[in-house]
Amino acid sequence: METKKKIRLVEDRVESFFSAIIDDISPKKLSSLIVIGIKTRGEYLGKRLVEHIKERTGKEVTFGPLDIPLYRRDLGTGQTWPRWRQNTS
């Protein structure tokens, strides 16, 4: 039962957070808003935010996930970076 209470508390805080964000965005700016979520949990929250915006305002908001592992500085220095390969065929 305690776990359910904690989950409900987190859900309530997320809903409150989303409401605060939506309240701070003017309706005129919604058409140019883009929500970006860092994979994987941020992607999930970003999608939920976009859904809430649509439910409350009726406006479609662009969403995109961002995958950042190649840009993290806390990973080993032996990282190889992607290189541009020109198609030679």
C-alpha atoms as a PDB file:
ATOM      1  CA  MET A   1       0.000   0.000   0.000  1.00  0.00           C
ATOM      2  CA  GLU A   2       2.877   2.375   0.770  1.00  0.00           C
ATOM      3  CA  THR A   3       4.295   1.968  -2.739  1.00  0.00           C
ATOM      4  CA  LYS A   4       0.941   2.895  -4.290  1.00  0.00           C
ATOM      5  CA  LYS A   5       0.851   6.085  -2.205  1.00  0.00           C
ATOM      6  CA  LYS A   6       4.344   7.032  -3.364  1.00  0.00           C
ATOM      7  CA  ILE A   7       3.464   6.384  -7.000  1.00  0.00           C
ATOM      8  CA  ARG A   8       0.303   8.474  -6.665  1.00  0.00           C
ATOM      9  CA  LEU A   9       2.330  11.285  -5.077  1.00  0.00           C
ATOM     10  CA  VAL A  10       4.817  11.243  -7.965  1.00  0.00           C
ATOM     11  CA  GLU A  11       1.971  11.201 -10.504  1.00  0.00           C
ATOM     12  CA  ASP A  12       0.327  14.168  -8.774  1.00  0.00           C
ATOM     13  CA  ARG A  13       3.584  16.114  -8.849  1.00  0.00           C
ATOM     14  CA  VAL A  14       4.113  15.339 -12.535  1.00  0.00           C
ATOM     15  CA  GLU A  15       0.572  16.518 -13.302  1.00  0.00           C
ATOM     16  CA  SER A  16       1.187  19.691 -11.320  1.00  0.00           C
ATOM     17  CA  PHE A  17       4.480  20.253 -13.141  1.00  0.00           C
ATOM     18  CA  PHE A  18       2.810  19.799 -16.532  1.00  0.00           C
ATOM     19  CA  SER A  19       0.022  22.194 -15.570  1.00  0.00           C
ATOM     20  CA  ALA A  20       2.538  24.838 -14.513  1.00  0.00           C
ATOM     21  CA  ILE A  21       4.396  24.503 -17.825  1.00  0.00           C
ATOM     22  CA  ILE A  22       1.210  24.711 -19.876  1.00  0.00           C
ATOM     23  CA  ASP A  23      -0.036  27.719 -17.893  1.00  0.00           C
ATOM     24  CA  ASP A  24       3.231  29.574 -18.602  1.00  0.00           C
ATOM     25  CA  ILE A  25       3.025  29.158 -22.385  1.00  0.00           C
ATOM     26  CA  SER A  26       0.981  31.766 -24.196  1.00  0.00           C
ATOM     27  CA  PRO A  27      -1.470  30.341 -26.737  1.00  0.00           C
ATOM     28  CA  LYS A  28       0.304  32.301 -29.500  1.00  0.00           C
ATOM     29  CA  LYS A  29       3.586  30.523 -28.781  1.00  0.00           C
ATOM     30  CA  LEU A  30       2.110  27.008 -28.798  1.00  0.00           C
ATOM     31  CA  SER A  31       2.275  26.869 -32.588  1.00  0.00           C
ATOM     32  CA  SER A  32       6.068  27.312 -32.510  1.00  0.00           C
ATOM     33  CA  LEU A  33       6.723  25.111 -29.462  1.00  0.00           C
ATOM     34  CA  ILE A  34       8.902  22.026 -29.825  1.00  0.00           C
ATOM     35  CA  VAL A  35       9.296  19.548 -26.968  1.00  0.00           C
ATOM     36  CA  ILE A  36      12.499  17.501 -26.889  1.00  0.00           C
ATOM     37  CA  GLY A  37      12.953  14.525 -24.572  1.00  0.00           C
ATOM     38  CA  ILE A  38      16.318  12.976 -23.801  1.00  0.00           C
ATOM     39  CA  LYS A  39      16.103   9.196 -24.246  1.00  0.00           C
ATOM     40  CA  THR A  40      14.723   7.209 -22.475  1.00  0.00           C
ATOM     41  CA  ARG A  41      12.902   8.638 -19.481  1.00  0.00           C
ATOM     42  CA  GLY A  42      12.900  12.175 -20.822  1.00  0.00           C
ATOM     43  CA  GLU A  43      11.380  10.872 -24.029  1.00  0.00           C
ATOM     44  CA  TYR A  44       8.545   9.325 -22.041  1.00  0.00           C
ATOM     45  CA  LEU A  45       7.933  12.528 -20.071  1.00  0.00           C
ATOM     46  CA  GLY A  46       8.131  14.668 -23.202  1.00  0.00           C
ATOM     47  CA  LYS A  47       5.485  12.578 -24.923  1.00  0.00           C
ATOM     48  CA  ARG A  48       3.263  12.836 -21.874  1.00  0.00           C
ATOM     49  CA  LEU A  49       3.696  16.618 -21.819  1.00  0.00           C
ATOM     50  CA  VAL A  50       2.731  16.847 -25.503  1.00  0.00           C
ATOM     51  CA  GLU A  51      -0.379  14.751 -24.787  1.00  0.00           C
ATOM     52  CA  HIS A  52      -1.340  17.024 -21.887  1.00  0.00           C
ATOM     53  CA  ILE A  53      -0.891  20.127 -24.013  1.00  0.00           C
ATOM     54  CA  LYS A  54      -3.176  18.668 -26.682  1.00  0.00           C
ATOM     55  CA  GLU A  55      -5.796  17.647 -24.111  1.00  0.00           C
ATOM     56  CA  ARG A  56      -5.849  21.077 -22.452  1.00  0.00           C
ATOM     57  CA  THR A  57      -5.435  23.343 -25.460  1.00  0.00           C
ATOM     58  CA  GLY A  58      -6.408  21.274 -28.491  1.00  0.00           C
ATOM     59  CA  LYS A  59      -3.082  22.264 -30.110  1.00  0.00           C
ATOM     60  CA  GLU A  60      -0.652  19.821 -31.706  1.00  0.00           C
ATOM     61  CA  VAL A  61       2.921  20.307 -30.490  1.00  0.00           C
ATOM     62  CA  THR A  62       5.969  18.895 -32.238  1.00  0.00           C
ATOM     63  CA  PHE A  63       7.934  16.320 -30.253  1.00  0.00           C
ATOM     64  CA  GLY A  64      11.350  14.816 -30.875  1.00  0.00           C
ATOM     65  CA  PRO A  65      13.592  12.458 -28.911  1.00  0.00           C
ATOM     66  CA  LEU A  66      17.270  13.259 -28.374  1.00  0.00           C
ATOM     67  CA  ASP A  67      19.824  10.473 -28.022  1.00  0.00           C
ATOM     68  CA  ILE A  68      22.912  11.805 -26.221  1.00  0.00           C
ATOM     69  CA  PRO A  69      25.356   8.951 -25.462  1.00  0.00           C
ATOM     70  CA  LEU A  70      27.889  10.098 -28.046  1.00  0.00           C
ATOM     71  CA  TYR A  71      28.048  13.548 -26.473  1.00  0.00           C
ATOM     72  CA  ARG A  72      28.514  12.585 -22.825  1.00  0.00           C
ATOM     73  CA  ARG A  73      31.786  13.615 -21.270  1.00  0.00           C
ATOM     74  CA  ASP A  74      31.578  11.140 -18.399  1.00  0.00           C
ATOM     75  CA  LEU A  75      32.060   8.135 -20.674  1.00  0.00           C
ATOM     76  CA  GLY A  76      35.538   6.791 -21.364  1.00  0.00           C
ATOM     77  CA  THR A  77      37.991   8.760 -23.451  1.00  0.00           C
ATOM     78  CA  GLY A  78      38.342   5.820 -25.831  1.00  0.00           C
ATOM     79  CA  GLN A  79      35.085   6.754 -27.524  1.00  0.00           C
ATOM     80  CA  THR A  80      35.096   6.765 -31.270  1.00  0.00           C
ATOM     81  CA  TRP A  81      32.997   9.458 -32.851  1.00  0.00           C
ATOM     82  CA  PRO A  82      30.848   8.835 -35.886  1.00  0.00           C
ATOM     83  CA  ARG A  83      32.459   9.908 -39.138  1.00  0.00           C
ATOM     84  CA  TRP A  84      30.899  11.102 -42.304  1.00  0.00           C
ATOM     85  CA  ARG A  85      31.152   8.513 -45.039  1.00  0.00           C
ATOM     86  CA  GLN A  86      30.476   9.569 -48.539  1.00  0.00           C
ATOM     87  CA  ASN A  87      28.636   6.977 -50.567  1.00  0.00           C
ATOM     88  CA  THR A  88      31.130   5.828 -53.211  1.00  0.00           C
ATOM     89  CA  SER A  89      28.831   3.461 -55.092  1.00  0.00           C
END
